[in-house]
Amino acid sequence: MAAGKKAAGAAAAKYGRDELVRQARALLRVSEDAAAGALSGLDREELTVAEAKQAIQQFLRRRVS
C-alpha cells in the first residue's frame, strides 16, 4: 500500500508532442488529427498525458465563428 502512495506522488512522465500525436488513440482517446491540431499551438515540446488531455479538451470545446 505504501508503494502505491509513493508511485502516485511521483512526477508524471512527459512525452514529446510528436509521440503524443502518434499515440493519440491509445493515450488520449482522440484522433491523431485532433491531437495534432490541439498540440500544435502550444509553446512546450513536452507534456504529461494529463496536460495533453486538458489542451485537447480546450481545443475541442472552443467556439468556431
PDB file of N, CA and C in Angstrom:
ATOM      1  N   MET A   1       0.819  -1.183   0.000  1.00  0.00           N
ATOM      2  CA  MET A   1       0.000   0.000   0.000  1.00  0.00           C
ATOM      3  C   MET A   1       0.864   1.248   0.000  1.00  0.00           C
ATOM      4  N   ALA A   2       1.963   1.221   0.716  1.00  0.00           N
ATOM      5  CA  ALA A   2       2.860   2.366   0.744  1.00  0.00           C
ATOM      6  C   ALA A   2       3.467   2.606  -0.629  1.00  0.00           C
ATOM      7  N   ALA A   3       3.714   1.533  -1.367  1.00  0.00           N
ATOM      8  CA  ALA A   3       4.283   1.682  -2.703  1.00  0.00           C
ATOM      9  C   ALA A   3       3.314   2.402  -3.628  1.00  0.00           C
ATOM     10  N   GLY A   4       2.019   2.141  -3.488  1.00  0.00           N
ATOM     11  CA  GLY A   4       1.019   2.816  -4.311  1.00  0.00           C
ATOM     12  C   GLY A   4       0.982   4.301  -4.051  1.00  0.00           C
ATOM     13  N   LYS A   5       1.085   4.689  -2.793  1.00  0.00           N
ATOM     14  CA  LYS A   5       1.098   6.110  -2.456  1.00  0.00           C
ATOM     15  C   LYS A   5       2.362   6.767  -2.973  1.00  0.00           C
ATOM     16  N   LYS A   6       3.471   6.052  -2.897  1.00  0.00           N
ATOM     17  CA  LYS A   6       4.742   6.594  -3.370  1.00  0.00           C
ATOM     18  C   LYS A   6       4.694   6.809  -4.883  1.00  0.00           C
ATOM     19  N   ALA A   7       4.133   5.845  -5.604  1.00  0.00           N
ATOM     20  CA  ALA A   7       4.036   5.951  -7.060  1.00  0.00           C
ATOM     21  C   ALA A   7       3.105   7.089  -7.462  1.00  0.00           C
ATOM     22  N   ALA A   8       2.044   7.287  -6.720  1.00  0.00           N
ATOM     23  CA  ALA A   8       1.098   8.350  -7.049  1.00  0.00           C
ATOM     24  C   ALA A   8       1.726   9.722  -6.849  1.00  0.00           C
ATOM     25  N   GLY A   9       2.646   9.837  -5.924  1.00  0.00           N
ATOM     26  CA  GLY A   9       3.283  11.113  -5.660  1.00  0.00           C
ATOM     27  C   GLY A   9       4.438  11.412  -6.600  1.00  0.00           C
ATOM     28  N   ALA A  10       4.867  10.430  -7.364  1.00  0.00           N
ATOM     29  CA  ALA A  10       5.989  10.617  -8.279  1.00  0.00           C
ATOM     30  C   ALA A  10       5.581  11.549  -9.419  1.00  0.00           C
ATOM     31  N   ALA A  11       6.573  12.200  -9.998  1.00  0.00           N
ATOM     32  CA  ALA A  11       6.315  13.112 -11.110  1.00  0.00           C
ATOM     33  C   ALA A  11       5.803  12.326 -12.317  1.00  0.00           C
ATOM     34  N   ALA A  12       4.833  12.880 -13.005  1.00  0.00           N
ATOM     35  CA  ALA A  12       4.262  12.233 -14.182  1.00  0.00           C
ATOM     36  C   ALA A  12       5.252  12.310 -15.338  1.00  0.00           C
ATOM     37  N   ALA A  13       5.260  11.267 -16.153  1.00  0.00           N
ATOM     38  CA  ALA A  13       6.162  11.219 -17.298  1.00  0.00           C
ATOM     39  C   ALA A  13       5.739  12.242 -18.340  1.00  0.00           C
ATOM     40  N   LYS A  14       6.719  12.845 -18.988  1.00  0.00           N
ATOM     41  CA  LYS A  14       6.441  13.804 -20.054  1.00  0.00           C
ATOM     42  C   LYS A  14       6.805  13.177 -21.388  1.00  0.00           C
ATOM     43  N   TYR A  15       6.014  13.512 -22.395  1.00  0.00           N
ATOM     44  CA  TYR A  15       6.204  12.979 -23.735  1.00  0.00           C
ATOM     45  C   TYR A  15       6.283  14.130 -24.721  1.00  0.00           C
ATOM     46  N   GLY A  16       7.002  13.925 -25.804  1.00  0.00           N
ATOM     47  CA  GLY A  16       7.078  14.920 -26.858  1.00  0.00           C
ATOM     48  C   GLY A  16       5.749  15.017 -27.590  1.00  0.00           C
ATOM     49  N   ARG A  17       5.515  16.169 -28.204  1.00  0.00           N
ATOM     50  CA  ARG A  17       4.248  16.353 -28.928  1.00  0.00           C
ATOM     51  C   ARG A  17       4.066  15.306 -30.013  1.00  0.00           C
ATOM     52  N   ASP A  18       5.141  15.006 -30.752  1.00  0.00           N
ATOM     53  CA  ASP A  18       5.038  14.024 -31.835  1.00  0.00           C
ATOM     54  C   ASP A  18       4.637  12.649 -31.311  1.00  0.00           C
ATOM     55  N   GLU A  19       5.207  12.257 -30.180  1.00  0.00           N
ATOM     56  CA  GLU A  19       4.864  10.963 -29.583  1.00  0.00           C
ATOM     57  C   GLU A  19       3.403  10.941 -29.143  1.00  0.00           C
ATOM     58  N   LEU A  20       2.940  12.024 -28.546  1.00  0.00           N
ATOM     59  CA  LEU A  20       1.540  12.101 -28.118  1.00  0.00           C
ATOM     60  C   LEU A  20       0.593  12.025 -29.309  1.00  0.00           C
ATOM     61  N   VAL A  21       0.958  12.654 -30.415  1.00  0.00           N
ATOM     62  CA  VAL A  21       0.115  12.603 -31.615  1.00  0.00           C
ATOM     63  C   VAL A  21       0.087  11.180 -32.170  1.00  0.00           C
ATOM     64  N   ARG A  22       1.255  10.529 -32.233  1.00  0.00           N
ATOM     65  CA  ARG A  22       1.304   9.156 -32.754  1.00  0.00           C
ATOM     66  C   ARG A  22       0.494   8.190 -31.892  1.00  0.00           C
ATOM     67  N   GLN A  23       0.461   8.416 -30.602  1.00  0.00           N
ATOM     68  CA  GLN A  23      -0.235   7.526 -29.673  1.00  0.00           C
ATOM     69  C   GLN A  23      -1.574   8.107 -29.204  1.00  0.00           C
ATOM     70  N   ALA A  24      -2.136   9.016 -29.976  1.00  0.00           N
ATOM     71  CA  ALA A  24      -3.340   9.748 -29.566  1.00  0.00           C
ATOM     72  C   ALA A  24      -4.512   8.829 -29.247  1.00  0.00           C
ATOM     73  N   ARG A  25      -4.753   7.846 -30.059  1.00  0.00           N
ATOM     74  CA  ARG A  25      -5.906   6.962 -29.826  1.00  0.00           C
ATOM     75  C   ARG A  25      -5.744   6.167 -28.533  1.00  0.00           C
ATOM     76  N   ALA A  26      -4.564   5.665 -28.265  1.00  0.00           N
ATOM     77  CA  ALA A  26      -4.338   4.833 -27.078  1.00  0.00           C
ATOM     78  C   ALA A  26      -4.267   5.657 -25.797  1.00  0.00           C
ATOM     79  N   LEU A  27      -3.541   6.766 -25.828  1.00  0.00           N
ATOM     80  CA  LEU A  27      -3.323   7.557 -24.614  1.00  0.00           C
ATOM     81  C   LEU A  27      -4.418   8.581 -24.353  1.00  0.00           C
ATOM     82  N   LEU A  28      -4.888   9.224 -25.416  1.00  0.00           N
ATOM     83  CA  LEU A  28      -5.764  10.384 -25.263  1.00  0.00           C
ATOM     84  C   LEU A  28      -7.192  10.128 -25.731  1.00  0.00           C
ATOM     85  N   ARG A  29      -7.400   9.028 -26.424  1.00  0.00           N
ATOM     86  CA  ARG A  29      -8.724   8.638 -26.933  1.00  0.00           C
ATOM     87  C   ARG A  29      -9.333   9.655 -27.888  1.00  0.00           C
ATOM     88  N   VAL A  30      -8.472  10.221 -28.723  1.00  0.00           N
ATOM     89  CA  VAL A  30      -8.907  11.124 -29.789  1.00  0.00           C
ATOM     90  C   VAL A  30      -8.142  10.749 -31.050  1.00  0.00           C
ATOM     91  N   SER A  31      -8.566  11.282 -32.182  1.00  0.00           N
ATOM     92  CA  SER A  31      -7.867  11.001 -33.431  1.00  0.00           C
ATOM     93  C   SER A  31      -6.519  11.711 -33.456  1.00  0.00           C
ATOM     94  N   GLU A  32      -5.641  11.228 -34.307  1.00  0.00           N
ATOM     95  CA  GLU A  32      -4.334  11.866 -34.461  1.00  0.00           C
ATOM     96  C   GLU A  32      -4.498  13.301 -34.945  1.00  0.00           C
ATOM     97  N   ASP A  33      -5.488  13.540 -35.803  1.00  0.00           N
ATOM     98  CA  ASP A  33      -5.725  14.889 -36.323  1.00  0.00           C
ATOM     99  C   ASP A  33      -6.131  15.851 -35.217  1.00  0.00           C
ATOM    100  N   ALA A  34      -7.011  15.408 -34.330  1.00  0.00           N
ATOM    101  CA  ALA A  34      -7.441  16.264 -33.218  1.00  0.00           C
ATOM    102  C   ALA A  34      -6.269  16.570 -32.298  1.00  0.00           C
ATOM    103  N   ALA A  35      -5.463  15.568 -32.010  1.00  0.00           N
ATOM    104  CA  ALA A  35      -4.301  15.773 -31.145  1.00  0.00           C
ATOM    105  C   ALA A  35      -3.302  16.714 -31.805  1.00  0.00           C
ATOM    106  N   ALA A  36      -3.059  16.534 -33.087  1.00  0.00           N
ATOM    107  CA  ALA A  36      -2.109  17.393 -33.795  1.00  0.00           C
ATOM    108  C   ALA A  36      -2.582  18.840 -33.794  1.00  0.00           C
ATOM    109  N   GLY A  37      -3.849  19.058 -34.047  1.00  0.00           N
ATOM    110  CA  GLY A  37      -4.385  20.417 -34.047  1.00  0.00           C
ATOM    111  C   GLY A  37      -4.307  21.073 -32.691  1.00  0.00           C
ATOM    112  N   ALA A  38      -4.644  20.329 -31.657  1.00  0.00           N
ATOM    113  CA  ALA A  38      -4.655  20.886 -30.303  1.00  0.00           C
ATOM    114  C   ALA A  38      -3.256  21.161 -29.784  1.00  0.00           C
ATOM    115  N   LEU A  39      -2.320  20.289 -30.087  1.00  0.00           N
ATOM    116  CA  LEU A  39      -0.977  20.417 -29.522  1.00  0.00           C
ATOM    117  C   LEU A  39      -0.057  21.300 -30.355  1.00  0.00           C
ATOM    118  N   SER A  40      -0.434  21.569 -31.599  1.00  0.00           N
ATOM    119  CA  SER A  40       0.445  22.364 -32.464  1.00  0.00           C
ATOM    120  C   SER A  40       0.570  23.810 -32.006  1.00  0.00           C
ATOM    121  N   GLY A  41      -0.436  24.337 -31.350  1.00  0.00           N
ATOM    122  CA  GLY A  41      -0.400  25.728 -30.919  1.00  0.00           C
ATOM    123  C   GLY A  41       0.291  25.956 -29.585  1.00  0.00           C
ATOM    124  N   LEU A  42       0.749  24.902 -28.951  1.00  0.00           N
ATOM    125  CA  LEU A  42       1.390  25.041 -27.642  1.00  0.00           C
ATOM    126  C   LEU A  42       2.860  25.402 -27.789  1.00  0.00           C
ATOM    127  N   ASP A  43       3.373  26.134 -26.806  1.00  0.00           N
ATOM    128  CA  ASP A  43       4.768  26.552 -26.864  1.00  0.00           C
ATOM    129  C   ASP A  43       5.713  25.547 -26.213  1.00  0.00           C
ATOM    130  N   ARG A  44       5.170  24.496 -25.617  1.00  0.00           N
ATOM    131  CA  ARG A  44       6.009  23.485 -24.966  1.00  0.00           C
ATOM    132  C   ARG A  44       6.190  22.284 -25.878  1.00  0.00           C
ATOM    133  N   GLU A  45       7.368  21.683 -25.818  1.00  0.00           N
ATOM    134  CA  GLU A  45       7.652  20.497 -26.623  1.00  0.00           C
ATOM    135  C   GLU A  45       7.260  19.216 -25.904  1.00  0.00           C
ATOM    136  N   GLU A  46       7.276  19.225 -24.564  1.00  0.00           N
ATOM    137  CA  GLU A  46       6.958  18.031 -23.791  1.00  0.00           C
ATOM    138  C   GLU A  46       5.803  18.306 -22.839  1.00  0.00           C
ATOM    139  N   LEU A  47       4.890  17.340 -22.752  1.00  0.00           N
ATOM    140  CA  LEU A  47       3.722  17.463 -21.881  1.00  0.00           C
ATOM    141  C   LEU A  47       3.450  16.125 -21.215  1.00  0.00           C
ATOM    142  N   THR A  48       2.769  16.184 -20.093  1.00  0.00           N
ATOM    143  CA  THR A  48       2.271  14.953 -19.490  1.00  0.00           C
ATOM    144  C   THR A  48       0.984  14.575 -20.218  1.00  0.00           C
ATOM    145  N   VAL A  49       0.531  13.361 -20.009  1.00  0.00           N
ATOM    146  CA  VAL A  49      -0.719  12.923 -20.631  1.00  0.00           C
ATOM    147  C   VAL A  49      -1.874  13.792 -20.139  1.00  0.00           C
ATOM    148  N   ALA A  50      -1.870  14.126 -18.860  1.00  0.00           N
ATOM    149  CA  ALA A  50      -2.943  14.963 -18.302  1.00  0.00           C
ATOM    150  C   ALA A  50      -2.940  16.352 -18.932  1.00  0.00           C
ATOM    151  N   GLU A  51      -1.764  16.933 -19.127  1.00  0.00           N
ATOM    152  CA  GLU A  51      -1.677  18.252 -19.761  1.00  0.00           C
ATOM    153  C   GLU A  51      -2.166  18.188 -21.201  1.00  0.00           C
ATOM    154  N   ALA A  52      -1.808  17.120 -21.905  1.00  0.00           N
ATOM    155  CA  ALA A  52      -2.248  16.952 -23.290  1.00  0.00           C
ATOM    156  C   ALA A  52      -3.765  16.795 -23.360  1.00  0.00           C
ATOM    157  N   LYS A  53      -4.334  16.004 -22.450  1.00  0.00           N
ATOM    158  CA  LYS A  53      -5.791  15.830 -22.426  1.00  0.00           C
ATOM    159  C   LYS A  53      -6.496  17.160 -22.191  1.00  0.00           C
ATOM    160  N   GLN A  54      -5.965  17.952 -21.287  1.00  0.00           N
ATOM    161  CA  GLN A  54      -6.563  19.252 -20.984  1.00  0.00           C
ATOM    162  C   GLN A  54      -6.499  20.168 -22.209  1.00  0.00           C
ATOM    163  N   ALA A  55      -5.360  20.205 -22.881  1.00  0.00           N
ATOM    164  CA  ALA A  55      -5.207  21.043 -24.072  1.00  0.00           C
ATOM    165  C   ALA A  55      -6.163  20.595 -25.177  1.00  0.00           C
ATOM    166  N   ILE A  56      -6.326  19.298 -25.334  1.00  0.00           N
ATOM    167  CA  ILE A  56      -7.215  18.771 -26.367  1.00  0.00           C
ATOM    168  C   ILE A  56      -8.665  19.105 -26.046  1.00  0.00           C
ATOM    169  N   GLN A  57      -9.068  18.967 -24.793  1.00  0.00           N
ATOM    170  CA  GLN A  57     -10.442  19.308 -24.409  1.00  0.00           C
ATOM    171  C   GLN A  57     -10.738  20.783 -24.660  1.00  0.00           C
ATOM    172  N   GLN A  58      -9.796  21.649 -24.339  1.00  0.00           N
ATOM    173  CA  GLN A  58      -9.983  23.082 -24.597  1.00  0.00           C
ATOM    174  C   GLN A  58     -10.101  23.334 -26.095  1.00  0.00           C
ATOM    175  N   PHE A  59      -9.288  22.651 -26.880  1.00  0.00           N
ATOM    176  CA  PHE A  59      -9.304  22.798 -28.332  1.00  0.00           C
ATOM    177  C   PHE A  59     -10.644  22.341 -28.908  1.00  0.00           C
ATOM    178  N   LEU A  60     -11.140  21.215 -28.432  1.00  0.00           N
ATOM    179  CA  LEU A  60     -12.389  20.668 -28.967  1.00  0.00           C
ATOM    180  C   LEU A  60     -13.618  21.453 -28.529  1.00  0.00           C
ATOM    181  N   ARG A  61     -13.549  22.128 -27.402  1.00  0.00           N
ATOM    182  CA  ARG A  61     -14.702  22.873 -26.874  1.00  0.00           C
ATOM    183  C   ARG A  61     -14.743  24.330 -27.303  1.00  0.00           C
ATOM    184  N   ARG A  62     -13.705  24.827 -27.932  1.00  0.00           N
ATOM    185  CA  ARG A  62     -13.709  26.256 -28.273  1.00  0.00           C
ATOM    186  C   ARG A  62     -14.753  26.545 -29.350  1.00  0.00           C
ATOM    187  N   ARG A  63     -15.231  27.752 -29.318  1.00  0.00           N
ATOM    188  CA  ARG A  63     -16.267  28.175 -30.262  1.00  0.00           C
ATOM    189  C   ARG A  63     -15.646  28.464 -31.621  1.00  0.00           C
ATOM    190  N   VAL A  64     -16.383  28.116 -32.636  1.00  0.00           N
ATOM    191  CA  VAL A  64     -15.955  28.362 -34.008  1.00  0.00           C
ATOM    192  C   VAL A  64     -16.873  29.422 -34.590  1.00  0.00           C
ATOM    193  N   SER A  65     -16.286  30.438 -35.176  1.00  0.00           N
ATOM    194  CA  SER A  65     -17.088  31.534 -35.744  1.00  0.00           C
ATOM    195  C   SER A  65     -17.531  31.221 -37.149  1.00  0.00           C
TER     196      SER A  65
END
